Amino acid sequence: MIEWIDTLGPPLCGTPDIARTWQGTEGSSIGTDPSDYDRACAVVDHVTRIACGPGEVLLLGDEPMRSAFLLVDETLLVARWWSCESVERAETALRQIPWQLPIVEESVAFLVRTPRLVMFDSAHVGIEPSDLRETTVTTGAYAVTSERYEAPGVFKFIIHRFLSR
């Protein structure tokens, strides 16, 4: 079963040490105005890096869609639920993701320095175990893609693949 996270703001992915410094609606992890949450909401890209404390997190922008980590053919993905008729249909579709999908925008470089990534809500301060999803990942440099996976009238997802560089 896929473990989804529902967020009030755009979801973020990062290593736990950096994610803990995120200040959400309460302030700025980089010491400037606006708040971290306001900076996240100002982004219109599907995926980008955003400063967070002493490092960066990966912002999954556009809208606060339901999101989940997946591992497909040993490749880490983030699936973002745009629309789907049911959880069961979503899980069936996501077990059959094709390798080639239409690209929505250019990939973003992202460096993973620890073997854990967490996904959390940009509206919240830091990370709470009850309010995040986590996964293990090989450390290193990645190109994170934004792709569209859809069957018109049935489902639509944005898929972000973490491709080793």
N, C-alpha and C. Protein backbone atom coordinates (compact mmCIF):
# COMPACT_ATOMS: atom_id res chain seq x y z
N MET A 1 0.83 -1.17 0.00
CA MET A 1 0.00 0.00 0.00
C MET A 1 0.89 1.26 0.00
N ILE A 2 0.52 2.22 -0.79
CA ILE A 2 1.28 3.46 -0.91
C ILE A 2 0.94 4.36 0.28
N GLU A 3 1.98 4.94 0.89
CA GLU A 3 1.79 5.85 2.02
C GLU A 3 1.84 7.29 1.52
N TRP A 4 0.67 7.89 1.39
CA TRP A 4 0.53 9.25 0.87
C TRP A 4 0.71 10.26 2.00
N ILE A 5 1.14 11.45 1.63
CA ILE A 5 1.16 12.58 2.55
C ILE A 5 0.27 13.66 1.93
N ASP A 6 -0.63 14.19 2.75
CA ASP A 6 -1.47 15.32 2.34
C ASP A 6 -0.91 16.56 3.01
N THR A 7 -0.78 17.64 2.25
CA THR A 7 -0.14 18.84 2.77
C THR A 7 -1.03 20.07 2.58
N LEU A 8 -0.81 21.06 3.42
CA LEU A 8 -1.51 22.34 3.28
C LEU A 8 -0.80 23.25 2.27
N GLY A 9 0.51 23.08 2.18
CA GLY A 9 1.32 23.84 1.24
C GLY A 9 2.05 22.87 0.34
N PRO A 10 2.88 23.38 -0.56
CA PRO A 10 3.65 22.48 -1.43
C PRO A 10 4.53 21.56 -0.57
N PRO A 11 4.61 20.27 -0.94
CA PRO A 11 5.48 19.39 -0.18
C PRO A 11 6.96 19.64 -0.50
N LEU A 12 7.81 19.26 0.46
CA LEU A 12 9.25 19.41 0.34
C LEU A 12 9.92 18.07 0.57
N CYS A 13 11.08 17.86 -0.05
CA CYS A 13 11.90 16.68 0.20
C CYS A 13 13.28 17.17 0.61
N GLY A 14 13.83 16.53 1.62
CA GLY A 14 15.17 16.90 2.04
C GLY A 14 15.72 15.91 3.03
N THR A 15 16.99 16.09 3.37
CA THR A 15 17.59 15.24 4.39
C THR A 15 17.09 15.73 5.75
N PRO A 16 16.92 14.83 6.71
CA PRO A 16 16.33 15.22 8.00
C PRO A 16 17.07 16.37 8.70
N ASP A 17 18.39 16.40 8.62
CA ASP A 17 19.14 17.45 9.31
C ASP A 17 18.81 18.83 8.75
N ILE A 18 18.62 18.96 7.46
CA ILE A 18 18.26 20.25 6.85
C ILE A 18 16.78 20.52 7.05
N ALA A 19 15.94 19.52 6.86
CA ALA A 19 14.49 19.69 6.99
C ALA A 19 14.08 20.19 8.37
N ARG A 20 14.81 19.77 9.40
CA ARG A 20 14.48 20.21 10.77
C ARG A 20 14.58 21.73 10.95
N THR A 21 15.33 22.41 10.08
CA THR A 21 15.49 23.85 10.22
C THR A 21 14.38 24.66 9.55
N TRP A 22 13.52 24.01 8.75
CA TRP A 22 12.43 24.68 8.05
C TRP A 22 11.49 25.34 9.05
N GLN A 23 11.07 26.58 8.81
CA GLN A 23 10.23 27.33 9.74
C GLN A 23 8.77 27.50 9.30
N GLY A 24 8.41 26.97 8.14
CA GLY A 24 7.01 27.01 7.70
C GLY A 24 6.42 28.40 7.72
N THR A 25 5.20 28.51 8.28
CA THR A 25 4.51 29.80 8.36
C THR A 25 5.02 30.66 9.50
N GLU A 26 5.89 30.10 10.35
CA GLU A 26 6.33 30.79 11.57
C GLU A 26 7.55 31.69 11.38
N GLY A 27 8.27 31.54 10.28
CA GLY A 27 9.45 32.37 10.10
C GLY A 27 10.31 31.90 8.94
N SER A 28 11.57 32.27 9.00
CA SER A 28 12.49 31.97 7.91
C SER A 28 13.71 31.22 8.42
N SER A 29 14.01 30.11 7.79
CA SER A 29 15.20 29.33 8.16
C SER A 29 16.48 29.98 7.64
N ILE A 30 16.34 30.97 6.75
CA ILE A 30 17.52 31.64 6.20
C ILE A 30 17.66 33.07 6.71
N GLY A 31 16.80 33.46 7.67
CA GLY A 31 16.94 34.75 8.34
C GLY A 31 16.46 35.96 7.57
N THR A 32 15.60 35.78 6.59
CA THR A 32 15.08 36.92 5.82
C THR A 32 13.57 36.81 5.70
N ASP A 33 12.93 37.92 5.35
CA ASP A 33 11.51 37.88 4.99
C ASP A 33 11.45 37.49 3.53
N PRO A 34 10.45 36.83 3.06
CA PRO A 34 9.26 36.35 3.76
C PRO A 34 9.51 35.01 4.48
N SER A 35 8.44 34.43 5.02
CA SER A 35 8.56 33.15 5.71
C SER A 35 8.95 32.05 4.72
N ASP A 36 9.43 30.95 5.25
CA ASP A 36 9.75 29.80 4.40
C ASP A 36 8.53 29.37 3.59
N TYR A 37 7.38 29.32 4.24
CA TYR A 37 6.14 28.92 3.57
C TYR A 37 5.80 29.88 2.43
N ASP A 38 5.91 31.18 2.68
CA ASP A 38 5.61 32.16 1.63
C ASP A 38 6.57 32.02 0.46
N ARG A 39 7.85 31.75 0.75
CA ARG A 39 8.82 31.52 -0.33
C ARG A 39 8.43 30.29 -1.14
N ALA A 40 7.99 29.23 -0.46
CA ALA A 40 7.59 28.00 -1.16
C ALA A 40 6.37 28.23 -2.04
N CYS A 41 5.41 28.97 -1.52
CA CYS A 41 4.17 29.22 -2.28
C CYS A 41 4.39 30.14 -3.49
N ALA A 42 5.46 30.91 -3.48
CA ALA A 42 5.74 31.82 -4.60
C ALA A 42 6.31 31.09 -5.81
N VAL A 43 6.72 29.84 -5.65
CA VAL A 43 7.33 29.09 -6.74
C VAL A 43 6.24 28.49 -7.63
N VAL A 44 6.40 28.63 -8.94
CA VAL A 44 5.42 28.08 -9.88
C VAL A 44 5.92 26.83 -10.59
N ASP A 45 7.20 26.50 -10.43
CA ASP A 45 7.75 25.31 -11.08
C ASP A 45 7.25 24.05 -10.40
N HIS A 46 7.27 22.94 -11.13
CA HIS A 46 6.89 21.65 -10.54
C HIS A 46 7.93 21.15 -9.56
N VAL A 47 9.19 21.45 -9.82
CA VAL A 47 10.26 21.04 -8.91
C VAL A 47 11.40 22.04 -9.00
N THR A 48 11.94 22.41 -7.84
CA THR A 48 13.08 23.31 -7.77
C THR A 48 13.76 23.13 -6.41
N ARG A 49 14.95 23.67 -6.28
CA ARG A 49 15.63 23.70 -4.99
C ARG A 49 15.31 25.04 -4.32
N ILE A 50 15.22 25.00 -2.99
CA ILE A 50 14.97 26.23 -2.24
C ILE A 50 15.84 26.20 -0.99
N ALA A 51 16.42 27.36 -0.66
CA ALA A 51 17.30 27.46 0.50
C ALA A 51 16.55 27.10 1.77
N CYS A 52 17.25 26.38 2.67
CA CYS A 52 16.67 25.97 3.95
C CYS A 52 17.81 25.86 4.96
N GLY A 53 17.82 26.74 5.93
CA GLY A 53 18.89 26.72 6.93
C GLY A 53 20.25 26.71 6.25
N PRO A 54 21.12 25.76 6.62
CA PRO A 54 22.46 25.72 6.04
C PRO A 54 22.54 24.99 4.69
N GLY A 55 21.40 24.58 4.14
CA GLY A 55 21.42 23.82 2.89
C GLY A 55 20.23 24.13 2.01
N GLU A 56 19.74 23.09 1.34
CA GLU A 56 18.60 23.22 0.43
C GLU A 56 17.67 22.04 0.60
N VAL A 57 16.41 22.27 0.27
CA VAL A 57 15.43 21.20 0.15
C VAL A 57 14.87 21.26 -1.27
N LEU A 58 14.26 20.17 -1.66
CA LEU A 58 13.63 20.08 -2.97
C LEU A 58 12.16 20.45 -2.80
N LEU A 59 11.73 21.48 -3.50
CA LEU A 59 10.35 21.94 -3.42
C LEU A 59 9.56 21.33 -4.56
N LEU A 60 8.48 20.65 -4.22
CA LEU A 60 7.56 20.11 -5.22
C LEU A 60 6.42 21.12 -5.33
N GLY A 61 6.58 22.04 -6.25
CA GLY A 61 5.71 23.21 -6.33
C GLY A 61 4.40 22.98 -7.05
N ASP A 62 3.80 24.06 -7.43
CA ASP A 62 2.56 24.16 -8.15
C ASP A 62 1.37 24.15 -7.20
N GLU A 63 1.02 22.99 -6.63
CA GLU A 63 -0.12 22.90 -5.73
C GLU A 63 0.19 21.90 -4.61
N PRO A 64 -0.55 21.96 -3.50
CA PRO A 64 -0.35 20.99 -2.42
C PRO A 64 -1.05 19.66 -2.73
N MET A 65 -0.52 18.93 -3.70
CA MET A 65 -1.12 17.65 -4.08
C MET A 65 -0.68 16.54 -3.13
N ARG A 66 -1.54 15.55 -2.97
CA ARG A 66 -1.19 14.33 -2.24
C ARG A 66 0.04 13.74 -2.92
N SER A 67 1.05 13.33 -2.12
CA SER A 67 2.33 12.89 -2.68
C SER A 67 2.84 11.66 -1.95
N ALA A 68 3.69 10.87 -2.63
CA ALA A 68 4.25 9.66 -2.03
C ALA A 68 5.57 9.30 -2.68
N PHE A 69 6.46 8.70 -1.88
CA PHE A 69 7.68 8.10 -2.41
C PHE A 69 7.34 6.73 -2.98
N LEU A 70 7.96 6.37 -4.09
CA LEU A 70 7.83 5.04 -4.69
C LEU A 70 9.20 4.58 -5.14
N LEU A 71 9.40 3.29 -5.17
CA LEU A 71 10.61 2.72 -5.75
C LEU A 71 10.19 1.85 -6.91
N VAL A 72 10.59 2.23 -8.12
CA VAL A 72 10.21 1.50 -9.33
C VAL A 72 11.49 1.13 -10.07
N ASP A 73 11.71 -0.16 -10.27
CA ASP A 73 12.92 -0.64 -10.95
C ASP A 73 14.18 0.00 -10.36
N GLU A 74 14.24 0.04 -9.04
CA GLU A 74 15.39 0.57 -8.29
C GLU A 74 15.61 2.08 -8.48
N THR A 75 14.61 2.77 -8.99
CA THR A 75 14.67 4.22 -9.15
C THR A 75 13.68 4.87 -8.20
N LEU A 76 14.15 5.84 -7.42
CA LEU A 76 13.27 6.57 -6.52
C LEU A 76 12.40 7.52 -7.31
N LEU A 77 11.10 7.52 -7.01
CA LEU A 77 10.14 8.43 -7.63
C LEU A 77 9.34 9.12 -6.53
N VAL A 78 8.82 10.28 -6.86
CA VAL A 78 7.76 10.90 -6.07
C VAL A 78 6.57 11.00 -7.00
N ALA A 79 5.45 10.41 -6.58
CA ALA A 79 4.20 10.52 -7.33
C ALA A 79 3.35 11.60 -6.68
N ARG A 80 2.83 12.51 -7.51
CA ARG A 80 1.95 13.59 -7.01
C ARG A 80 0.59 13.41 -7.66
N TRP A 81 -0.40 13.24 -6.85
CA TRP A 81 -1.78 12.92 -7.26
C TRP A 81 -2.50 14.17 -7.72
N TRP A 82 -2.67 14.30 -9.03
CA TRP A 82 -3.41 15.43 -9.59
C TRP A 82 -4.90 15.10 -9.56
N SER A 83 -5.22 13.92 -10.11
CA SER A 83 -6.61 13.45 -10.07
C SER A 83 -6.62 11.93 -10.30
N CYS A 84 -7.58 11.28 -9.67
CA CYS A 84 -7.77 9.84 -9.86
C CYS A 84 -9.09 9.47 -9.21
N GLU A 85 -9.76 8.49 -9.80
CA GLU A 85 -11.10 8.13 -9.32
C GLU A 85 -11.10 7.40 -7.98
N SER A 86 -9.98 6.75 -7.60
CA SER A 86 -9.94 6.03 -6.32
C SER A 86 -8.50 5.71 -5.93
N VAL A 87 -8.32 5.40 -4.66
CA VAL A 87 -7.01 4.98 -4.16
C VAL A 87 -6.59 3.68 -4.84
N GLU A 88 -7.52 2.78 -5.02
CA GLU A 88 -7.21 1.49 -5.66
C GLU A 88 -6.73 1.70 -7.09
N ARG A 89 -7.41 2.57 -7.82
CA ARG A 89 -7.02 2.85 -9.21
C ARG A 89 -5.65 3.52 -9.24
N ALA A 90 -5.40 4.41 -8.29
CA ALA A 90 -4.09 5.08 -8.22
C ALA A 90 -2.98 4.06 -8.00
N GLU A 91 -3.19 3.14 -7.07
CA GLU A 91 -2.16 2.14 -6.79
C GLU A 91 -1.91 1.23 -7.98
N THR A 92 -2.97 0.85 -8.68
CA THR A 92 -2.82 0.03 -9.89
C THR A 92 -2.03 0.79 -10.95
N ALA A 93 -2.39 2.03 -11.19
CA ALA A 93 -1.70 2.84 -12.21
C ALA A 93 -0.23 3.03 -11.85
N LEU A 94 0.06 3.30 -10.59
CA LEU A 94 1.42 3.60 -10.19
C LEU A 94 2.31 2.35 -10.16
N ARG A 95 1.73 1.17 -10.16
CA ARG A 95 2.53 -0.06 -10.28
C ARG A 95 2.95 -0.30 -11.74
N GLN A 96 2.37 0.48 -12.67
CA GLN A 96 2.61 0.27 -14.10
C GLN A 96 3.17 1.51 -14.78
N ILE A 97 3.94 2.30 -14.08
CA ILE A 97 4.47 3.54 -14.66
C ILE A 97 5.44 3.20 -15.79
N PRO A 98 5.19 3.71 -16.99
CA PRO A 98 6.14 3.50 -18.09
C PRO A 98 7.45 4.25 -17.85
N TRP A 99 8.52 3.76 -18.45
CA TRP A 99 9.80 4.43 -18.30
C TRP A 99 9.82 5.77 -19.04
N GLN A 100 9.17 5.84 -20.18
CA GLN A 100 9.13 7.07 -20.99
C GLN A 100 7.78 7.76 -20.79
N LEU A 101 7.83 8.98 -20.27
CA LEU A 101 6.64 9.81 -20.08
C LEU A 101 6.92 11.20 -20.60
N PRO A 102 5.87 11.96 -20.95
CA PRO A 102 6.08 13.34 -21.39
C PRO A 102 6.71 14.19 -20.28
N ILE A 103 7.74 14.93 -20.63
CA ILE A 103 8.43 15.82 -19.70
C ILE A 103 7.62 17.10 -19.55
N VAL A 104 7.41 17.55 -18.32
CA VAL A 104 6.65 18.76 -18.05
C VAL A 104 7.57 19.99 -18.03
N GLU A 105 8.77 19.82 -17.45
CA GLU A 105 9.76 20.89 -17.43
C GLU A 105 11.13 20.28 -17.24
N GLU A 106 12.17 21.10 -17.39
CA GLU A 106 13.54 20.60 -17.28
C GLU A 106 13.83 20.02 -15.90
N SER A 107 14.74 19.04 -15.86
CA SER A 107 15.10 18.43 -14.59
C SER A 107 15.90 19.42 -13.73
N VAL A 108 15.95 19.13 -12.44
CA VAL A 108 16.65 19.96 -11.47
C VAL A 108 17.71 19.12 -10.79
N ALA A 109 18.91 19.66 -10.66
CA ALA A 109 19.99 18.95 -9.98
C ALA A 109 19.74 19.01 -8.47
N PHE A 110 19.95 17.88 -7.79
CA PHE A 110 19.76 17.81 -6.35
C PHE A 110 20.78 16.85 -5.76
N LEU A 111 21.50 17.32 -4.75
CA LEU A 111 22.53 16.52 -4.11
C LEU A 111 21.99 15.95 -2.80
N VAL A 112 22.06 14.62 -2.67
CA VAL A 112 21.62 13.93 -1.46
C VAL A 112 22.87 13.52 -0.69
N ARG A 113 23.04 14.08 0.51
CA ARG A 113 24.26 13.85 1.30
C ARG A 113 24.12 12.78 2.36
N THR A 114 22.90 12.36 2.68
CA THR A 114 22.69 11.29 3.66
C THR A 114 21.73 10.27 3.06
N PRO A 115 21.72 9.04 3.58
CA PRO A 115 20.89 8.00 2.96
C PRO A 115 19.41 8.04 3.32
N ARG A 116 18.95 9.12 3.90
CA ARG A 116 17.53 9.27 4.22
C ARG A 116 16.99 10.55 3.63
N LEU A 117 15.80 10.45 3.04
CA LEU A 117 15.06 11.63 2.58
C LEU A 117 13.72 11.63 3.29
N VAL A 118 13.26 12.82 3.65
CA VAL A 118 11.92 12.97 4.21
C VAL A 118 11.11 13.88 3.30
N MET A 119 9.81 13.64 3.27
CA MET A 119 8.87 14.51 2.56
C MET A 119 7.96 15.10 3.63
N PHE A 120 7.80 16.43 3.61
CA PHE A 120 7.04 17.09 4.66
C PHE A 120 6.31 18.30 4.11
N ASP A 121 5.45 18.87 4.92
CA ASP A 121 4.58 19.97 4.53
C ASP A 121 5.30 21.31 4.71
N SER A 122 5.30 22.14 3.67
CA SER A 122 5.96 23.44 3.73
C SER A 122 5.28 24.40 4.70
N ALA A 123 4.03 24.14 5.08
CA ALA A 123 3.33 25.02 6.01
C ALA A 123 3.78 24.80 7.45
N HIS A 124 4.35 23.65 7.75
CA HIS A 124 4.70 23.30 9.13
C HIS A 124 6.14 23.66 9.48
N VAL A 125 6.39 23.78 10.77
CA VAL A 125 7.74 24.05 11.27
C VAL A 125 8.46 22.72 11.45
N GLY A 126 9.61 22.58 10.80
CA GLY A 126 10.42 21.37 10.95
C GLY A 126 9.71 20.12 10.51
N ILE A 127 10.11 19.01 11.10
CA ILE A 127 9.51 17.72 10.75
C ILE A 127 9.07 17.00 12.01
N GLU A 128 7.89 16.45 11.96
CA GLU A 128 7.33 15.65 13.04
C GLU A 128 7.10 14.24 12.50
N PRO A 129 7.43 13.21 13.27
CA PRO A 129 7.27 11.83 12.77
C PRO A 129 5.86 11.52 12.27
N SER A 130 4.84 12.12 12.87
CA SER A 130 3.47 11.84 12.44
C SER A 130 3.09 12.61 11.19
N ASP A 131 3.95 13.52 10.75
CA ASP A 131 3.60 14.44 9.69
C ASP A 131 4.59 14.41 8.54
N LEU A 132 5.17 13.25 8.27
CA LEU A 132 6.12 13.15 7.17
C LEU A 132 6.12 11.74 6.60
N ARG A 133 6.75 11.61 5.46
CA ARG A 133 7.04 10.29 4.88
C ARG A 133 8.54 10.25 4.69
N GLU A 134 9.12 9.08 4.83
CA GLU A 134 10.56 8.98 4.63
C GLU A 134 10.92 7.76 3.82
N THR A 135 12.12 7.82 3.23
CA THR A 135 12.62 6.73 2.42
C THR A 135 14.14 6.71 2.51
N THR A 136 14.71 5.59 2.12
CA THR A 136 16.17 5.52 2.02
C THR A 136 16.55 5.74 0.57
N VAL A 137 17.74 6.27 0.38
CA VAL A 137 18.20 6.60 -0.97
C VAL A 137 19.73 6.52 -0.98
N THR A 138 20.28 6.21 -2.11
CA THR A 138 21.73 6.22 -2.26
C THR A 138 22.19 7.67 -2.31
N THR A 139 23.22 7.99 -1.53
CA THR A 139 23.73 9.36 -1.55
C THR A 139 24.35 9.65 -2.92
N GLY A 140 24.33 10.92 -3.28
CA GLY A 140 24.93 11.33 -4.56
C GLY A 140 24.14 12.41 -5.25
N ALA A 141 24.56 12.71 -6.46
CA ALA A 141 23.94 13.76 -7.28
C ALA A 141 22.84 13.15 -8.14
N TYR A 142 21.71 13.84 -8.20
CA TYR A 142 20.56 13.39 -8.98
C TYR A 142 20.07 14.50 -9.90
N ALA A 143 19.47 14.09 -11.00
CA ALA A 143 18.66 14.97 -11.83
C ALA A 143 17.22 14.56 -11.51
N VAL A 144 16.42 15.49 -11.01
CA VAL A 144 15.04 15.19 -10.63
C VAL A 144 14.13 15.71 -11.74
N THR A 145 13.41 14.78 -12.35
CA THR A 145 12.56 15.11 -13.50
C THR A 145 11.15 15.48 -13.05
N SER A 146 10.40 16.06 -13.96
CA SER A 146 8.96 16.31 -13.79
C SER A 146 8.28 15.78 -15.04
N GLU A 147 7.46 14.76 -14.85
CA GLU A 147 6.82 14.07 -15.98
C GLU A 147 5.32 13.95 -15.74
N ARG A 148 4.56 13.86 -16.81
CA ARG A 148 3.11 13.71 -16.73
C ARG A 148 2.74 12.26 -17.05
N TYR A 149 1.95 11.67 -16.15
CA TYR A 149 1.46 10.30 -16.34
C TYR A 149 -0.05 10.36 -16.22
N GLU A 150 -0.74 10.08 -17.34
CA GLU A 150 -2.19 10.21 -17.31
C GLU A 150 -2.89 9.26 -18.27
N ALA A 151 -4.11 8.95 -17.90
CA ALA A 151 -5.08 8.30 -18.77
C ALA A 151 -6.29 9.23 -18.70
N PRO A 152 -6.53 10.03 -19.74
CA PRO A 152 -7.58 11.06 -19.68
C PRO A 152 -8.91 10.52 -19.15
N GLY A 153 -9.45 11.25 -18.17
CA GLY A 153 -10.72 10.87 -17.57
C GLY A 153 -10.61 9.82 -16.48
N VAL A 154 -9.40 9.24 -16.30
CA VAL A 154 -9.22 8.19 -15.31
C VAL A 154 -8.25 8.62 -14.21
N PHE A 155 -7.05 9.08 -14.61
CA PHE A 155 -6.08 9.54 -13.62
C PHE A 155 -5.10 10.50 -14.26
N LYS A 156 -4.46 11.30 -13.39
CA LYS A 156 -3.37 12.17 -13.80
C LYS A 156 -2.44 12.33 -12.60
N PHE A 157 -1.14 12.09 -12.82
CA PHE A 157 -0.12 12.24 -11.80
C PHE A 157 1.04 13.03 -12.38
N ILE A 158 1.73 13.75 -11.51
CA ILE A 158 3.04 14.29 -11.85
C ILE A 158 4.04 13.34 -11.20
N ILE A 159 5.00 12.87 -11.98
CA ILE A 159 6.01 11.93 -11.49
C ILE A 159 7.36 12.64 -11.51
N HIS A 160 8.05 12.58 -10.37
CA HIS A 160 9.41 13.10 -10.27
C HIS A 160 10.34 11.91 -10.09
N ARG A 161 11.25 11.70 -11.04
CA ARG A 161 12.23 10.61 -10.95
C ARG A 161 13.57 11.18 -10.47
N PHE A 162 14.21 10.43 -9.57
CA PHE A 162 15.55 10.78 -9.10
C PHE A 162 16.53 9.95 -9.92
N LEU A 163 17.12 10.56 -10.94
CA LEU A 163 18.03 9.86 -11.84
C LEU A 163 19.47 10.18 -11.45
N SER A 164 20.28 9.14 -11.20
CA SER A 164 21.68 9.35 -10.84
C SER A 164 22.39 10.09 -11.94
N ARG A 165 23.27 11.02 -11.52
CA ARG A 165 24.02 11.81 -12.51
C ARG A 165 25.42 11.26 -12.64
